[in-house]
N, C-alpha and C. Protein backbone atom coordinates (compact mmCIF):
# COMPACT_ATOMS: atom_id res chain seq x y z
N MET A 1 148.71 -10.16 -0.38
CA MET A 1 148.09 -11.31 -0.99
C MET A 1 147.77 -12.33 0.08
N ASN A 2 146.56 -12.86 0.05
CA ASN A 2 146.11 -13.86 1.01
C ASN A 2 146.51 -15.24 0.52
N THR A 3 147.30 -15.96 1.31
CA THR A 3 147.74 -17.30 0.90
C THR A 3 147.00 -18.39 1.67
N GLU A 4 145.98 -18.02 2.43
CA GLU A 4 145.21 -19.00 3.19
C GLU A 4 144.35 -19.82 2.24
N ARG A 5 144.31 -21.12 2.47
CA ARG A 5 143.56 -22.03 1.60
C ARG A 5 142.63 -22.89 2.43
N VAL A 6 141.61 -23.42 1.78
CA VAL A 6 140.67 -24.32 2.42
C VAL A 6 140.73 -25.67 1.71
N ALA A 7 140.86 -26.74 2.51
CA ALA A 7 140.85 -28.10 1.97
C ALA A 7 139.62 -28.81 2.53
N ILE A 8 138.88 -29.47 1.67
CA ILE A 8 137.72 -30.26 2.09
C ILE A 8 138.08 -31.73 1.90
N VAL A 9 137.97 -32.51 2.99
CA VAL A 9 138.33 -33.92 2.95
C VAL A 9 137.08 -34.74 3.22
N THR A 10 136.69 -35.57 2.27
CA THR A 10 135.54 -36.45 2.47
C THR A 10 136.03 -37.79 3.02
N GLY A 11 135.15 -38.46 3.76
CA GLY A 11 135.55 -39.71 4.39
C GLY A 11 136.67 -39.50 5.38
N ALA A 12 136.61 -38.38 6.07
CA ALA A 12 137.74 -37.88 6.85
C ALA A 12 138.09 -38.71 8.08
N TYR A 13 137.17 -39.54 8.57
CA TYR A 13 137.52 -40.30 9.76
C TYR A 13 137.98 -41.71 9.43
N GLY A 14 138.03 -42.05 8.15
CA GLY A 14 138.60 -43.33 7.74
C GLY A 14 140.12 -43.23 7.76
N LYS A 15 140.78 -44.34 7.58
CA LYS A 15 142.25 -44.36 7.67
C LYS A 15 142.91 -43.45 6.63
N ILE A 16 142.50 -43.56 5.39
CA ILE A 16 143.11 -42.74 4.34
C ILE A 16 142.73 -41.28 4.51
N GLY A 17 141.45 -41.01 4.76
CA GLY A 17 141.00 -39.63 4.95
C GLY A 17 141.69 -38.95 6.12
N LYS A 18 141.87 -39.69 7.21
CA LYS A 18 142.54 -39.13 8.38
C LYS A 18 144.01 -38.82 8.08
N ALA A 19 144.67 -39.72 7.36
CA ALA A 19 146.07 -39.51 7.00
C ALA A 19 146.22 -38.28 6.10
N ILE A 20 145.32 -38.14 5.13
CA ILE A 20 145.35 -36.98 4.24
C ILE A 20 145.11 -35.71 5.04
N THR A 21 144.13 -35.75 5.94
CA THR A 21 143.82 -34.58 6.77
C THR A 21 145.01 -34.16 7.60
N GLU A 22 145.70 -35.11 8.21
CA GLU A 22 146.87 -34.79 9.03
C GLU A 22 147.96 -34.11 8.21
N ILE A 23 148.20 -34.63 7.02
CA ILE A 23 149.24 -34.06 6.15
C ILE A 23 148.88 -32.62 5.78
N ILE A 24 147.65 -32.39 5.39
CA ILE A 24 147.22 -31.04 5.01
C ILE A 24 147.26 -30.11 6.21
N ALA A 25 146.79 -30.58 7.36
CA ALA A 25 146.70 -29.74 8.56
C ALA A 25 148.06 -29.35 9.10
N LEU A 26 149.11 -30.05 8.74
CA LEU A 26 150.45 -29.66 9.18
C LEU A 26 150.88 -28.33 8.57
N ASN A 27 150.23 -27.93 7.49
CA ASN A 27 150.51 -26.64 6.84
C ASN A 27 149.55 -25.60 7.44
N ASP A 28 150.09 -24.63 8.15
CA ASP A 28 149.27 -23.61 8.82
C ASP A 28 148.49 -22.73 7.87
N ASN A 29 148.81 -22.75 6.59
CA ASN A 29 148.09 -21.93 5.61
C ASN A 29 146.75 -22.54 5.21
N TYR A 30 146.44 -23.73 5.72
CA TYR A 30 145.20 -24.40 5.36
C TYR A 30 144.19 -24.42 6.49
N LYS A 31 142.95 -24.12 6.13
CA LYS A 31 141.81 -24.44 6.96
C LYS A 31 141.30 -25.76 6.40
N VAL A 32 140.97 -26.71 7.27
CA VAL A 32 140.55 -28.03 6.81
C VAL A 32 139.12 -28.29 7.26
N VAL A 33 138.29 -28.72 6.31
CA VAL A 33 136.90 -29.06 6.60
C VAL A 33 136.74 -30.56 6.36
N LEU A 34 136.29 -31.27 7.38
CA LEU A 34 136.09 -32.71 7.30
C LEU A 34 134.63 -33.01 6.98
N ILE A 35 134.42 -33.97 6.09
CA ILE A 35 133.08 -34.37 5.70
C ILE A 35 132.93 -35.87 5.96
N GLY A 36 131.80 -36.25 6.56
CA GLY A 36 131.52 -37.66 6.81
C GLY A 36 130.09 -37.83 7.27
N ARG A 37 129.63 -39.06 7.37
CA ARG A 37 128.24 -39.32 7.73
C ARG A 37 128.02 -39.47 9.22
N ASN A 38 129.08 -39.70 9.99
CA ASN A 38 128.94 -39.97 11.41
C ASN A 38 129.50 -38.79 12.20
N GLU A 39 128.62 -37.98 12.77
CA GLU A 39 129.06 -36.77 13.47
C GLU A 39 129.95 -37.09 14.67
N THR A 40 129.65 -38.16 15.38
CA THR A 40 130.46 -38.53 16.54
C THR A 40 131.90 -38.81 16.12
N LYS A 41 132.07 -39.55 15.04
CA LYS A 41 133.42 -39.84 14.54
C LYS A 41 134.11 -38.58 14.04
N LEU A 42 133.35 -37.66 13.44
CA LEU A 42 133.94 -36.40 12.98
C LEU A 42 134.45 -35.58 14.16
N VAL A 43 133.66 -35.49 15.22
CA VAL A 43 134.08 -34.74 16.41
C VAL A 43 135.37 -35.33 16.98
N GLU A 44 135.42 -36.65 17.09
CA GLU A 44 136.61 -37.33 17.61
C GLU A 44 137.83 -37.09 16.71
N THR A 45 137.61 -37.17 15.41
CA THR A 45 138.71 -36.99 14.46
C THR A 45 139.23 -35.57 14.49
N VAL A 46 138.35 -34.59 14.56
CA VAL A 46 138.78 -33.19 14.63
C VAL A 46 139.66 -32.98 15.86
N ALA A 47 139.22 -33.49 17.01
CA ALA A 47 140.00 -33.33 18.24
C ALA A 47 141.37 -34.01 18.12
N GLU A 48 141.38 -35.19 17.54
CA GLU A 48 142.64 -35.92 17.37
C GLU A 48 143.60 -35.18 16.45
N ILE A 49 143.09 -34.71 15.31
CA ILE A 49 143.95 -34.01 14.35
C ILE A 49 144.47 -32.71 14.94
N LYS A 50 143.62 -31.98 15.64
CA LYS A 50 144.07 -30.74 16.29
C LYS A 50 145.19 -31.02 17.28
N GLY A 51 145.08 -32.12 18.03
CA GLY A 51 146.10 -32.47 19.00
C GLY A 51 147.42 -32.86 18.36
N VAL A 52 147.35 -33.56 17.25
CA VAL A 52 148.56 -34.03 16.57
C VAL A 52 149.26 -32.90 15.82
N THR A 53 148.48 -32.06 15.14
CA THR A 53 149.07 -31.06 14.24
C THR A 53 149.18 -29.67 14.86
N LEU A 54 148.47 -29.43 15.95
CA LEU A 54 148.39 -28.11 16.60
C LEU A 54 147.73 -27.06 15.71
N ASN A 55 147.12 -27.49 14.62
CA ASN A 55 146.37 -26.59 13.74
C ASN A 55 144.94 -26.52 14.27
N GLN A 56 144.54 -25.35 14.71
CA GLN A 56 143.21 -25.18 15.29
C GLN A 56 142.15 -24.80 14.25
N GLN A 57 142.54 -24.75 12.99
CA GLN A 57 141.62 -24.36 11.92
C GLN A 57 141.02 -25.58 11.23
N ILE A 58 140.55 -26.52 12.05
CA ILE A 58 139.95 -27.74 11.52
C ILE A 58 138.51 -27.80 11.97
N ARG A 59 137.61 -28.03 11.04
CA ARG A 59 136.17 -28.05 11.32
C ARG A 59 135.54 -29.25 10.64
N TYR A 60 134.30 -29.50 10.99
CA TYR A 60 133.52 -30.51 10.28
C TYR A 60 132.18 -29.93 9.92
């Protein structure tokens, strides 16, 4: 049985969105997709979350 899940977080580079993303990304069973209007901020947020959580399954 596949237990891998995908979480989509909107407004992901804002304070609340980033906090939610970090919490979800701490669980290795999740792939996390970030959604937002500013690509530069998304790229920065993905790099930051990957560094904090060590979960490399984070995309935008």
